[in-house]
C-alpha atoms as a PDB file:
ATOM      1  CA  MET A   1       0.000   0.000   0.000  1.00  0.00           C
ATOM      2  CA  GLN A   2       1.382   3.406  -1.017  1.00  0.00           C
ATOM      3  CA  THR A   3       1.739   6.018   1.723  1.00  0.00           C
ATOM      4  CA  ASP A   4       2.617   9.698   1.616  1.00  0.00           C
ATOM      5  CA  GLN A   5       4.375   9.461   4.955  1.00  0.00           C
ATOM      6  CA  ILE A   6       8.067  10.249   5.322  1.00  0.00           C
ATOM      7  CA  ASN A   7       9.876   9.073   8.432  1.00  0.00           C
ATOM      8  CA  ARG A   8      12.716  10.715  10.304  1.00  0.00           C
ATOM      9  CA  LYS A   9      15.702   8.351  10.415  1.00  0.00           C
ATOM     10  CA  PRO A  10      16.602   6.872  13.814  1.00  0.00           C
ATOM     11  CA  LEU A  11      20.005   7.710  15.255  1.00  0.00           C
ATOM     12  CA  PHE A  12      20.555   4.342  16.934  1.00  0.00           C
ATOM     13  CA  ASN A  13      19.066   1.357  15.135  1.00  0.00           C
ATOM     14  CA  PRO A  14      20.730  -2.034  15.723  1.00  0.00           C
ATOM     15  CA  GLU A  15      17.852  -3.703  13.884  1.00  0.00           C
ATOM     16  CA  GLY A  16      18.590  -1.746  10.710  1.00  0.00           C
ATOM     17  CA  ASP A  17      18.853  -3.395   7.292  1.00  0.00           C
ATOM     18  CA  ILE A  18      22.438  -3.862   6.083  1.00  0.00           C
ATOM     19  CA  ASP A  19      21.515  -5.167   2.624  1.00  0.00           C
ATOM     20  CA  VAL A  20      22.622  -2.411   0.237  1.00  0.00           C
ATOM     21  CA  ARG A  21      20.162  -3.656  -2.382  1.00  0.00           C
ATOM     22  CA  ASN A  22      17.265  -2.574  -0.191  1.00  0.00           C
ATOM     23  CA  ARG A  23      18.602   0.905   0.511  1.00  0.00           C
ATOM     24  CA  ARG A  24      16.399   3.863  -0.420  1.00  0.00           C
ATOM     25  CA  LEU A  25      16.662   7.631  -0.241  1.00  0.00           C
ATOM     26  CA  ILE A  26      13.700   7.898   2.110  1.00  0.00           C
ATOM     27  CA  ASN A  27      11.868   5.517   4.474  1.00  0.00           C
ATOM     28  CA  PHE A  28      14.645   2.909   4.544  1.00  0.00           C
ATOM     29  CA  ASN A  29      15.383   1.015   7.757  1.00  0.00           C
ATOM     30  CA  THR A  30      18.901   2.437   8.059  1.00  0.00           C
ATOM     31  CA  THR A  31      21.604   1.468  10.542  1.00  0.00           C
ATOM     32  CA  ASN A  32      23.152   4.937  10.151  1.00  0.00           C
ATOM     33  CA  ILE A  33      26.585   3.382   9.674  1.00  0.00           C
ATOM     34  CA  ASN A  34      28.967   5.207   7.346  1.00  0.00           C
ATOM     35  CA  ASP A  35      30.195   2.371   5.159  1.00  0.00           C
ATOM     36  CA  PHE A  36      32.426   3.613   2.332  1.00  0.00           C
ATOM     37  CA  ASN A  37      32.792   0.132   0.843  1.00  0.00           C
ATOM     38  CA  ASN A  38      29.117  -0.593   0.300  1.00  0.00           C
ATOM     39  CA  MET A  39      27.235   2.129  -1.537  1.00  0.00           C
ATOM     40  CA  LYS A  40      24.061   1.772  -3.541  1.00  0.00           C
ATOM     41  CA  TYR A  41      24.472   5.082  -5.363  1.00  0.00           C
ATOM     42  CA  ASN A  42      27.724   4.727  -7.287  1.00  0.00           C
ATOM     43  CA  TRP A  43      27.913   8.429  -8.190  1.00  0.00           C
ATOM     44  CA  VAL A  44      28.414   9.276  -4.501  1.00  0.00           C
ATOM     45  CA  SER A  45      32.027   8.081  -4.527  1.00  0.00           C
ATOM     46  CA  ASP A  46      33.072  10.526  -7.254  1.00  0.00           C
ATOM     47  CA  TRP A  47      31.035  13.335  -5.724  1.00  0.00           C
ATOM     48  CA  TYR A  48      32.521  12.803  -2.283  1.00  0.00           C
ATOM     49  CA  ARG A  49      36.100  12.820  -3.489  1.00  0.00           C
ATOM     50  CA  GLN A  50      35.541  15.870  -5.666  1.00  0.00           C
ATOM     51  CA  ALA A  51      33.930  17.807  -2.826  1.00  0.00           C
ATOM     52  CA  MET A  52      36.686  16.866  -0.380  1.00  0.00           C
ATOM     53  CA  ASN A  53      39.380  17.883  -2.841  1.00  0.00           C
ATOM     54  CA  ASN A  54      37.706  21.252  -3.336  1.00  0.00           C
ATOM     55  CA  PHE A  55      38.688  22.386   0.160  1.00  0.00           C
ATOM     56  CA  TRP A  56      39.786  26.015   0.340  1.00  0.00           C
ATOM     57  CA  VAL A  57      40.101  28.856   2.853  1.00  0.00           C
ATOM     58  CA  PRO A  58      38.687  32.337   2.093  1.00  0.00           C
ATOM     59  CA  GLU A  59      41.687  34.163   3.597  1.00  0.00           C
ATOM     60  CA  GLU A  60      44.086  32.570   1.103  1.00  0.00           C
ATOM     61  CA  ILE A  61      42.795  35.079  -1.477  1.00  0.00           C
ATOM     62  CA  ASN A  62      44.319  38.563  -1.493  1.00  0.00           C
ATOM     63  CA  LEU A  63      41.729  41.363  -1.364  1.00  0.00           C
ATOM     64  CA  ASN A  64      44.097  44.338  -1.278  1.00  0.00           C
ATOM     65  CA  GLN A  65      43.135  45.491  -4.774  1.00  0.00           C
ATOM     66  CA  ASP A  66      39.460  45.289  -3.837  1.00  0.00           C
ATOM     67  CA  LYS A  67      40.035  47.767  -0.994  1.00  0.00           C
ATOM     68  CA  SER A  68      41.126  50.302  -3.605  1.00  0.00           C
ATOM     69  CA  ASP A  69      38.553  49.346  -6.240  1.00  0.00           C
ATOM     70  CA  TYR A  70      35.434  49.342  -4.063  1.00  0.00           C
ATOM     71  CA  PRO A  71      35.302  53.109  -3.358  1.00  0.00           C
ATOM     72  CA  ARG A  72      35.844  53.756  -7.097  1.00  0.00           C
ATOM     73  CA  LEU A  73      32.960  51.607  -8.302  1.00  0.00           C
ATOM     74  CA  SER A  74      30.139  53.530  -9.934  1.00  0.00           C
ATOM     75  CA  LEU A  75      27.023  54.035  -7.825  1.00  0.00           C
ATOM     76  CA  ALA A  76      25.192  51.393  -9.892  1.00  0.00           C
ATOM     77  CA  GLU A  77      28.046  48.888  -9.511  1.00  0.00           C
ATOM     78  CA  LYS A  78      28.424  49.487  -5.783  1.00  0.00           C
ATOM     79  CA  THR A  79      24.679  49.205  -5.193  1.00  0.00           C
ATOM     80  CA  ALA A  80      24.544  45.945  -7.146  1.00  0.00           C
ATOM     81  CA  TYR A  81      27.642  44.603  -5.351  1.00  0.00           C
ATOM     82  CA  ASP A  82      26.109  45.316  -1.948  1.00  0.00           C
ATOM     83  CA  LYS A  83      22.651  43.958  -2.715  1.00  0.00           C
ATOM     84  CA  ILE A  84      23.770  40.828  -4.558  1.00  0.00           C
ATOM     85  CA  LEU A  85      26.269  40.043  -1.808  1.00  0.00           C
ATOM     86  CA  SER A  86      23.490  40.488   0.786  1.00  0.00           C
ATOM     87  CA  PHE A  87      21.374  38.051  -1.229  1.00  0.00           C
ATOM     88  CA  LEU A  88      24.199  35.494  -1.408  1.00  0.00           C
ATOM     89  CA  VAL A  89      24.850  35.838   2.337  1.00  0.00           C
ATOM     90  CA  TYR A  90      21.205  35.025   2.997  1.00  0.00           C
ATOM     91  CA  LEU A  91      21.149  32.065   0.596  1.00  0.00           C
ATOM     92  CA  ASP A  92      24.229  30.382   2.042  1.00  0.00           C
ATOM     93  CA  SER A  93      23.028  30.999   5.590  1.00  0.00           C
ATOM     94  CA  LEU A  94      19.651  29.487   4.720  1.00  0.00           C
ATOM     95  CA  GLN A  95      21.347  26.478   3.139  1.00  0.00           C
ATOM     96  CA  SER A  96      23.558  25.726   6.130  1.00  0.00           C
ATOM     97  CA  ALA A  97      20.453  25.868   8.359  1.00  0.00           C
ATOM     98  CA  ASN A  98      18.167  23.788   6.117  1.00  0.00           C
ATOM     99  CA  LEU A  99      20.416  21.002   4.833  1.00  0.00           C
ATOM    100  CA  PRO A 100      20.579  19.240   8.228  1.00  0.00           C
ATOM    101  CA  ASN A 101      16.764  19.345   8.270  1.00  0.00           C
ATOM    102  CA  ILE A 102      16.622  17.533   4.916  1.00  0.00           C
ATOM    103  CA  SER A 103      19.316  15.115   6.063  1.00  0.00           C
ATOM    104  CA  GLN A 104      17.148  13.943   8.978  1.00  0.00           C
ATOM    105  CA  TYR A 105      14.847  12.284   6.436  1.00  0.00           C
ATOM    106  CA  ILE A 106      17.446  10.913   4.008  1.00  0.00           C
ATOM    107  CA  THR A 107      17.964   7.244   4.873  1.00  0.00           C
ATOM    108  CA  ALA A 108      20.798   6.498   2.436  1.00  0.00           C
ATOM    109  CA  ASN A 109      23.862   7.195   4.515  1.00  0.00           C
ATOM    110  CA  GLU A 110      26.226   7.809   1.629  1.00  0.00           C
ATOM    111  CA  VAL A 111      23.958  10.645   0.477  1.00  0.00           C
ATOM    112  CA  ASN A 112      23.952  12.074   4.001  1.00  0.00           C
ATOM    113  CA  LEU A 113      27.753  12.152   3.879  1.00  0.00           C
ATOM    114  CA  CYS A 114      27.456  14.409   0.833  1.00  0.00           C
ATOM    115  CA  LEU A 115      24.912  16.664   2.530  1.00  0.00           C
ATOM    116  CA  SER A 116      27.238  17.031   5.517  1.00  0.00           C
ATOM    117  CA  ILE A 117      30.059  18.200   3.262  1.00  0.00           C
ATOM    118  CA  GLN A 118      27.721  20.590   1.473  1.00  0.00           C
ATOM    119  CA  THR A 119      26.632  22.076   4.806  1.00  0.00           C
ATOM    120  CA  PHE A 120      30.270  22.646   5.756  1.00  0.00           C
ATOM    121  CA  GLN A 121      30.982  24.296   2.416  1.00  0.00           C
ATOM    122  CA  GLU A 122      27.989  26.633   2.782  1.00  0.00           C
ATOM    123  CA  CYS A 123      29.532  27.762   6.085  1.00  0.00           C
ATOM    124  CA  ILE A 124      32.838  28.439   4.298  1.00  0.00           C
ATOM    125  CA  HIS A 125      30.944  30.537   1.761  1.00  0.00           C
ATOM    126  CA  SER A 126      29.367  32.595   4.534  1.00  0.00           C
ATOM    127  CA  GLN A 127      32.829  33.087   6.004  1.00  0.00           C
ATOM    128  CA  SER A 128      34.126  34.272   2.635  1.00  0.00           C
ATOM    129  CA  TYR A 129      31.403  36.928   2.331  1.00  0.00           C
ATOM    130  CA  SER A 130      32.272  38.234   5.794  1.00  0.00           C
ATOM    131  CA  TYR A 131      35.947  38.323   4.822  1.00  0.00           C
ATOM    132  CA  MET A 132      35.098  40.251   1.659  1.00  0.00           C
ATOM    133  CA  LEU A 133      33.056  42.813   3.582  1.00  0.00           C
ATOM    134  CA  ASP A 134      35.572  43.135   6.416  1.00  0.00           C
ATOM    135  CA  SER A 135      38.235  43.866   3.800  1.00  0.00           C
ATOM    136  CA  ILE A 136      36.462  46.593   1.841  1.00  0.00           C
ATOM    137  CA  CYS A 137      34.227  48.526   4.232  1.00  0.00           C
ATOM    138  CA  SER A 138      33.666  49.641   7.819  1.00  0.00           C
ATOM    139  CA  PRO A 139      31.863  47.461  10.387  1.00  0.00           C
ATOM    140  CA  GLU A 140      28.821  49.757  10.102  1.00  0.00           C
ATOM    141  CA  GLN A 141      28.703  49.399   6.319  1.00  0.00           C
ATOM    142  CA  ARG A 142      29.265  45.649   6.645  1.00  0.00           C
ATOM    143  CA  ASN A 143      26.255  45.200   8.919  1.00  0.00           C
ATOM    144  CA  ASP A 144      24.087  47.332   6.647  1.00  0.00           C
ATOM    145  CA  ILE A 145      24.979  45.128   3.673  1.00  0.00           C
ATOM    146  CA  LEU A 146      24.567  41.872   5.613  1.00  0.00           C
ATOM    147  CA  TYR A 147      21.011  42.757   6.620  1.00  0.00           C
ATOM    148  CA  GLN A 148      19.762  44.544   3.520  1.00  0.00           C
ATOM    149  CA  TRP A 149      17.585  41.504   2.852  1.00  0.00           C
ATOM    150  CA  LYS A 150      15.482  42.583   5.857  1.00  0.00           C
ATOM    151  CA  THR A 151      15.008  46.195   4.767  1.00  0.00           C
ATOM    152  CA  ASP A 152      14.905  46.088   0.953  1.00  0.00           C
ATOM    153  CA  GLU A 153      11.400  44.993  -0.028  1.00  0.00           C
ATOM    154  CA  HIS A 154      12.606  43.645  -3.374  1.00  0.00           C
ATOM    155  CA  LEU A 155      15.271  41.535  -1.709  1.00  0.00           C
ATOM    156  CA  LEU A 156      12.915  40.350   1.020  1.00  0.00           C
ATOM    157  CA  LYS A 157      10.432  39.204  -1.614  1.00  0.00           C
ATOM    158  CA  ARG A 158      13.213  37.254  -3.328  1.00  0.00           C
ATOM    159  CA  ASN A 159      14.023  35.448  -0.108  1.00  0.00           C
ATOM    160  CA  GLU A 160      10.432  34.674   0.856  1.00  0.00           C
ATOM    161  CA  PHE A 161       9.808  32.280  -2.039  1.00  0.00           C
ATOM    162  CA  ILE A 162      12.522  29.793  -1.081  1.00  0.00           C
ATOM    163  CA  GLY A 163      12.336  30.510   2.644  1.00  0.00           C
ATOM    164  CA  GLU A 164       8.631  29.690   2.824  1.00  0.00           C
ATOM    165  CA  LEU A 165       9.156  26.454   0.892  1.00  0.00           C
ATOM    166  CA  TYR A 166      11.840  25.467   3.381  1.00  0.00           C
ATOM    167  CA  ASN A 167       9.534  26.354   6.290  1.00  0.00           C
ATOM    168  CA  GLU A 168       6.792  24.258   4.690  1.00  0.00           C
ATOM    169  CA  PHE A 169       8.920  21.131   5.083  1.00  0.00           C
ATOM    170  CA  VAL A 170       9.700  22.034   8.704  1.00  0.00           C
ATOM    171  CA  ALA A 171       5.969  22.337   9.413  1.00  0.00           C
ATOM    172  CA  LYS A 172       4.803  19.299   7.461  1.00  0.00           C
ATOM    173  CA  GLN A 173       6.960  16.308   6.575  1.00  0.00           C
ATOM    174  CA  ASP A 174       5.515  14.175   3.804  1.00  0.00           C
ATOM    175  CA  LYS A 175       6.688  13.019   0.400  1.00  0.00           C
ATOM    176  CA  GLN A 176       5.078  15.954  -1.388  1.00  0.00           C
ATOM    177  CA  SER A 177       6.740  18.560   0.826  1.00  0.00           C
ATOM    178  CA  PHE A 178      10.023  16.645   0.564  1.00  0.00           C
ATOM    179  CA  LEU A 179       9.835  16.837  -3.231  1.00  0.00           C
ATOM    180  CA  ARG A 180       9.082  20.549  -3.047  1.00  0.00           C
ATOM    181  CA  VAL A 181      11.952  21.300  -0.685  1.00  0.00           C
ATOM    182  CA  CYS A 182      14.362  19.419  -2.980  1.00  0.00           C
ATOM    183  CA  ILE A 183      13.114  21.386  -6.006  1.00  0.00           C
ATOM    184  CA  ALA A 184      13.443  24.622  -4.029  1.00  0.00           C
ATOM    185  CA  ASN A 185      17.032  23.676  -3.228  1.00  0.00           C
ATOM    186  CA  PHE A 186      17.688  22.912  -6.893  1.00  0.00           C
ATOM    187  CA  ILE A 187      16.344  26.339  -7.914  1.00  0.00           C
ATOM    188  CA  LEU A 188      18.450  28.073  -5.276  1.00  0.00           C
ATOM    189  CA  GLU A 189      21.645  26.252  -6.246  1.00  0.00           C
ATOM    190  CA  GLY A 190      21.122  26.270 -10.000  1.00  0.00           C
ATOM    191  CA  VAL A 191      19.462  29.617 -10.751  1.00  0.00           C
ATOM    192  CA  TYR A 192      19.831  32.062  -7.860  1.00  0.00           C
ATOM    193  CA  PHE A 193      23.504  31.416  -7.104  1.00  0.00           C
ATOM    194  CA  TYR A 194      24.572  31.335 -10.746  1.00  0.00           C
ATOM    195  CA  SER A 195      22.680  34.526 -11.520  1.00  0.00           C
ATOM    196  CA  GLY A 196      24.418  36.310  -8.643  1.00  0.00           C
ATOM    197  CA  PHE A 197      27.845  35.037  -9.705  1.00  0.00           C
ATOM    198  CA  MET A 198      27.326  36.479 -13.186  1.00  0.00           C
ATOM    199  CA  PHE A 199      27.466  40.058 -11.847  1.00  0.00           C
ATOM    200  CA  PHE A 200      30.865  39.461 -10.221  1.00  0.00           C
ATOM    201  CA  TYR A 201      32.245  37.929 -13.410  1.00  0.00           C
ATOM    202  CA  ASN A 202      31.185  41.056 -15.260  1.00  0.00           C
ATOM    203  CA  LEU A 203      33.254  43.093 -12.802  1.00  0.00           C
ATOM    204  CA  ALA A 204      36.193  40.857 -13.747  1.00  0.00           C
ATOM    205  CA  ARG A 205      35.613  41.638 -17.436  1.00  0.00           C
ATOM    206  CA  ASN A 206      35.960  45.308 -16.526  1.00  0.00           C
ATOM    207  CA  GLY A 207      39.140  44.752 -14.488  1.00  0.00           C
ATOM    208  CA  LYS A 208      37.540  45.408 -11.108  1.00  0.00           C
ATOM    209  CA  MET A 209      37.425  43.653  -7.715  1.00  0.00           C
ATOM    210  CA  PRO A 210      39.739  40.728  -8.595  1.00  0.00           C
ATOM    211  CA  GLY A 211      39.801  39.278  -5.082  1.00  0.00           C
ATOM    212  CA  SER A 212      36.019  39.216  -4.802  1.00  0.00           C
ATOM    213  CA  VAL A 213      35.840  37.555  -8.193  1.00  0.00           C
ATOM    214  CA  GLN A 214      38.284  34.854  -7.133  1.00  0.00           C
ATOM    215  CA  GLU A 215      36.308  34.191  -3.946  1.00  0.00           C
ATOM    216  CA  ILE A 216      33.197  33.802  -6.092  1.00  0.00           C
ATOM    217  CA  ARG A 217      34.959  31.406  -8.462  1.00  0.00           C
ATOM    218  CA  TYR A 218      35.834  29.078  -5.593  1.00  0.00           C
ATOM    219  CA  ILE A 219      32.262  29.319  -4.312  1.00  0.00           C
ATOM    220  CA  ASN A 220      30.955  28.655  -7.827  1.00  0.00           C
ATOM    221  CA  ARG A 221      33.083  25.516  -8.028  1.00  0.00           C
ATOM    222  CA  ASP A 222      31.499  24.241  -4.811  1.00  0.00           C
ATOM    223  CA  GLU A 223      27.998  25.176  -5.923  1.00  0.00           C
ATOM    224  CA  SER A 224      28.402  23.222  -9.154  1.00  0.00           C
ATOM    225  CA  THR A 225      28.899  20.079  -7.056  1.00  0.00           C
ATOM    226  CA  HIS A 226      25.899  20.985  -4.875  1.00  0.00           C
ATOM    227  CA  LEU A 227      23.787  21.335  -7.987  1.00  0.00           C
ATOM    228  CA  TRP A 228      25.039  17.956  -9.201  1.00  0.00           C
ATOM    229  CA  LEU A 229      24.137  16.436  -5.814  1.00  0.00           C
ATOM    230  CA  PHE A 230      20.526  17.609  -5.764  1.00  0.00           C
ATOM    231  CA  ARG A 231      20.018  16.784  -9.406  1.00  0.00           C
ATOM    232  CA  ASN A 232      21.075  13.211  -8.628  1.00  0.00           C
ATOM    233  CA  ILE A 233      18.855  13.085  -5.540  1.00  0.00           C
ATOM    234  CA  LEU A 234      15.875  14.121  -7.676  1.00  0.00           C
ATOM    235  CA  VAL A 235      16.742  11.587 -10.397  1.00  0.00           C
ATOM    236  CA  GLU A 236      17.017   8.776  -7.819  1.00  0.00           C
ATOM    237  CA  LEU A 237      13.743   9.905  -6.290  1.00  0.00           C
ATOM    238  CA  GLN A 238      12.078   9.499  -9.692  1.00  0.00           C
ATOM    239  CA  LYS A 239      13.268   5.881  -9.799  1.00  0.00           C
ATOM    240  CA  GLU A 240      12.295   4.996  -6.236  1.00  0.00           C
ATOM    241  CA  GLU A 241       9.109   7.041  -5.790  1.00  0.00           C
ATOM    242  CA  PRO A 242       7.598   7.173  -9.299  1.00  0.00           C
ATOM    243  CA  GLU A 243       4.141   7.889  -7.876  1.00  0.00           C
ATOM    244  CA  LEU A 244       5.469  11.319  -6.835  1.00  0.00           C
ATOM    245  CA  PHE A 245       6.090  12.318 -10.440  1.00  0.00           C
ATOM    246  CA  THR A 246       2.546  12.457 -11.738  1.00  0.00           C
ATOM    247  CA  PRO A 247       1.696  14.854 -14.589  1.00  0.00           C
ATOM    248  CA  GLU A 248       0.227  17.160 -11.944  1.00  0.00           C
ATOM    249  CA  ASN A 249       3.438  17.173  -9.904  1.00  0.00           C
ATOM    250  CA  ILE A 250       5.627  17.640 -12.970  1.00  0.00           C
ATOM    251  CA  GLN A 251       3.461  20.655 -13.786  1.00  0.00           C
ATOM    252  CA  MET A 252       3.969  21.839 -10.199  1.00  0.00           C
ATOM    253  CA  ILE A 253       7.735  21.539 -10.649  1.00  0.00           C
ATOM    254  CA  ARG A 254       7.492  23.480 -13.917  1.00  0.00           C
ATOM    255  CA  GLU A 255       5.560  26.236 -12.190  1.00  0.00           C
ATOM    256  CA  MET A 256       8.047  26.364  -9.303  1.00  0.00           C
ATOM    257  CA  MET A 257      10.958  26.655 -11.733  1.00  0.00           C
ATOM    258  CA  ASN A 258       9.159  29.294 -13.750  1.00  0.00           C
ATOM    259  CA  THR A 259       8.345  31.305 -10.611  1.00  0.00           C
ATOM    260  CA  GLY A 260      11.973  31.121  -9.526  1.00  0.00           C
ATOM    261  CA  VAL A 261      13.161  32.276 -12.944  1.00  0.00           C
ATOM    262  CA  GLU A 262      10.653  35.126 -13.210  1.00  0.00           C
ATOM    263  CA  GLN A 263      11.474  36.375  -9.719  1.00  0.00           C
ATOM    264  CA  GLU A 264      15.189  36.218 -10.461  1.00  0.00           C
ATOM    265  CA  ILE A 265      14.690  38.202 -13.678  1.00  0.00           C
ATOM    266  CA  ALA A 266      12.693  40.861 -11.821  1.00  0.00           C
ATOM    267  CA  TRP A 267      15.452  41.023  -9.215  1.00  0.00           C
ATOM    268  CA  GLY A 268      18.143  41.292 -11.903  1.00  0.00           C
ATOM    269  CA  HIS A 269      16.302  44.136 -13.600  1.00  0.00           C
ATOM    270  CA  TYR A 270      16.023  45.951 -10.265  1.00  0.00           C
ATOM    271  CA  VAL A 271      19.581  45.466  -9.053  1.00  0.00           C
ATOM    272  CA  ILE A 272      21.500  45.530 -12.366  1.00  0.00           C
ATOM    273  CA  GLY A 273      19.247  47.346 -14.822  1.00  0.00           C
ATOM    274  CA  ASP A 274      20.876  49.071 -17.786  1.00  0.00           C
ATOM    275  CA  GLU A 275      23.453  51.212 -15.969  1.00  0.00           C
ATOM    276  CA  ILE A 276      26.289  48.733 -15.436  1.00  0.00           C
ATOM    277  CA  PRO A 277      28.911  48.490 -18.208  1.00  0.00           C
ATOM    278  CA  GLY A 278      28.798  45.081 -19.860  1.00  0.00           C
ATOM    279  CA  LEU A 279      25.320  44.099 -18.675  1.00  0.00           C
ATOM    280  CA  ASN A 280      21.736  45.114 -19.407  1.00  0.00           C
ATOM    281  CA  LYS A 281      18.223  43.883 -18.675  1.00  0.00           C
ATOM    282  CA  GLN A 282      17.968  41.840 -21.866  1.00  0.00           C
ATOM    283  CA  MET A 283      21.227  40.007 -21.148  1.00  0.00           C
ATOM    284  CA  VAL A 284      20.032  39.284 -17.616  1.00  0.00           C
ATOM    285  CA  THR A 285      16.694  37.963 -18.912  1.00  0.00           C
ATOM    286  CA  ASP A 286      18.294  35.753 -21.532  1.00  0.00           C
ATOM    287  CA  TYR A 287      20.862  34.278 -19.161  1.00  0.00           C
ATOM    288  CA  ILE A 288      18.424  33.507 -16.347  1.00  0.00           C
ATOM    289  CA  LYS A 289      15.923  31.887 -18.723  1.00  0.00           C
ATOM    290  CA  TYR A 290      18.769  29.805 -20.124  1.00  0.00           C
ATOM    291  CA  LEU A 291      19.734  28.735 -16.589  1.00  0.00           C
ATOM    292  CA  GLY A 292      16.150  27.799 -15.742  1.00  0.00           C
ATOM    293  CA  ASN A 293      15.726  25.899 -18.984  1.00  0.00           C
ATOM    294  CA  THR A 294      18.963  23.964 -18.491  1.00  0.00           C
ATOM    295  CA  ARG A 295      18.138  23.003 -14.896  1.00  0.00           C
ATOM    296  CA  PHE A 296      14.617  21.846 -15.789  1.00  0.00           C
ATOM    297  CA  ALA A 297      15.855  19.821 -18.778  1.00  0.00           C
ATOM    298  CA  THR A 298      18.468  17.951 -16.706  1.00  0.00           C
ATOM    299  CA  LEU A 299      15.639  16.533 -14.585  1.00  0.00           C
ATOM    300  CA  GLY A 300      14.302  14.842 -17.724  1.00  0.00           C
ATOM    301  CA  PHE A 301      11.197  16.994 -18.155  1.00  0.00           C
ATOM    302  CA  GLY A 302      12.092  18.698 -21.440  1.00  0.00           C
ATOM    303  CA  ASN A 303      12.518  22.417 -21.954  1.00  0.00           C
ATOM    304  CA  LEU A 304      11.107  25.097 -19.706  1.00  0.00           C
ATOM    305  CA  TYR A 305      11.544  27.673 -22.486  1.00  0.00           C
ATOM    306  CA  GLU A 306      11.930  26.222 -25.978  1.00  0.00           C
ATOM    307  CA  GLU A 307      13.807  29.248 -27.314  1.00  0.00           C
ATOM    308  CA  TYR A 308      16.429  29.140 -24.532  1.00  0.00           C
ATOM    309  CA  ALA A 309      17.919  25.699 -25.085  1.00  0.00           C
ATOM    310  CA  GLU A 310      21.246  27.214 -26.168  1.00  0.00           C
ATOM    311  CA  GLU A 311      23.507  29.500 -24.187  1.00  0.00           C
ATOM    312  CA  PRO A 312      22.886  33.140 -25.243  1.00  0.00           C
ATOM    313  CA  GLU A 313      25.680  34.494 -27.436  1.00  0.00           C
ATOM    314  CA  SER A 314      25.823  37.658 -25.331  1.00  0.00           C
ATOM    315  CA  MET A 315      26.577  35.643 -22.168  1.00  0.00           C
ATOM    316  CA  LYS A 316      29.088  33.044 -23.330  1.00  0.00           C
ATOM    317  CA  TRP A 317      31.855  34.967 -21.556  1.00  0.00           C
ATOM    318  CA  VAL A 318      30.445  33.818 -18.177  1.00  0.00           C
ATOM    319  CA  LYS A 319      31.824  30.321 -18.720  1.00  0.00           C
ATOM    320  CA  GLN A 320      35.348  31.740 -18.957  1.00  0.00           C
ATOM    321  CA  TYR A 321      35.144  32.577 -15.266  1.00  0.00           C
ATOM    322  CA  SER A 322      32.788  29.895 -13.921  1.00  0.00           C
ATOM    323  CA  ASP A 323      34.114  26.731 -15.581  1.00  0.00           C
ATOM    324  CA  ALA A 324      35.297  24.508 -12.727  1.00  0.00           C
ATOM    325  CA  ASN A 325      37.484  22.466 -15.092  1.00  0.00           C
ATOM    326  CA  MET A 326      39.566  25.403 -16.196  1.00  0.00           C
ATOM    327  CA  VAL A 327      43.045  26.163 -14.982  1.00  0.00           C
ATOM    328  CA  LYS A 328      42.755  29.043 -12.584  1.00  0.00           C
ATOM    329  CA  THR A 329      43.959  32.215 -14.256  1.00  0.00           C
ATOM    330  CA  ASP A 330      44.577  35.631 -12.791  1.00  0.00           C
ATOM    331  CA  PHE A 331      42.574  37.502 -15.407  1.00  0.00           C
ATOM    332  CA  PHE A 332      44.192  40.764 -14.423  1.00  0.00           C
ATOM    333  CA  GLU A 333      47.816  39.620 -14.762  1.00  0.00           C
ATOM    334  CA  ALA A 334      47.374  36.496 -16.930  1.00  0.00           C
ATOM    335  CA  ARG A 335      49.383  34.290 -14.579  1.00  0.00           C
ATOM    336  CA  PRO A 336      48.158  30.686 -14.519  1.00  0.00           C
ATOM    337  CA  SER A 337      48.033  28.790 -11.243  1.00  0.00           C
ATOM    338  CA  ALA A 338      46.424  25.551 -10.090  1.00  0.00           C
ATOM    339  CA  TYR A 339      42.690  26.080  -9.651  1.00  0.00           C
ATOM    340  CA  ALA A 340      41.229  22.683  -8.829  1.00  0.00           C
ATOM    341  CA  LYS A 341      43.016  20.361  -6.460  1.00  0.00           C
ATOM    342  CA  SER A 342      41.430  17.332  -8.076  1.00  0.00           C
ATOM    343  CA  GLY A 343      40.328  15.996 -11.436  1.00  0.00           C
ATOM    344  CA  ALA A 344      37.820  17.608 -13.703  1.00  0.00           C
ATOM    345  CA  ILE A 345      34.132  17.486 -12.861  1.00  0.00           C
ATOM    346  CA  GLU A 346      31.065  17.389 -15.019  1.00  0.00           C
ATOM    347  CA  ASP A 347      29.256  20.738 -14.817  1.00  0.00           C
ATOM    348  CA  ASP A 348      26.650  20.391 -17.540  1.00  0.00           C
ATOM    349  CA  LEU A 349      23.688  21.234 -15.308  1.00  0.00           C
END
């Protein structure tokens, strides 16, 4: 008999099932033992090693040039820098708080190992934003930027969509809310983060804020693995809980993705507009619709926007900065140095 119930995993369970063939993402009788030699989900091994090898420390990046550049940014650039950074601070903080909540209901221990690493990395990202702000502005300015998401109605609206979906799962744990919280996470990782990174890469194109850009590139590398993780969770969920993916629920996912994309476009128009050299509203629209389309398609549901299946010509420069497989290059002095500490990863999401 099918049930919509989702059970919190026990912490101590000597009667748990040790047969890896029976393991499931949710509602499995888990022992909670971390067994690296017996994994059901073979992709976890590569993900785990990649994520571990991505370790970095925010303070290893020099922000001296940023201290000089920040006061010289145009008003439009500085406003966008502050607001987008405030948005990213909120997103990473929300992630580090919510991932353990999701993990309580994941009963495949190898997947929980991945979620634990992701949570740690989200904390590193929050640390990096604080380091960036401490380096370029006063403590008073720093606090104003950190909490702009509480006072800017546009930014607060952006945060409410994902935040309320996360709260929904806290209030009601069932398979439907679990699916929705995973989709919300996928939107956050695959659309919101990438859209925010794009602004910083445009600063790099204009020779500004090189330290901030390098911090963002390391964060982007981590987020590409997080996106990969939740894409795989959703794909496995389709195999194990096919009754969740009815035409009605696929339409729900489409509408969630579309809402996320439309809200991100409205935010981009507000915070970037047409006053920043190298970017304009049309470029923002095209890039975000391309991101949304790509994320939706990788779940196996087809295109979200038929006309955005290909990367916009006007935004192909973004990949120069965001590609996790590239050799790290100082774009301001053209000195190559090792970027990734491990092998190449697949970032086709």
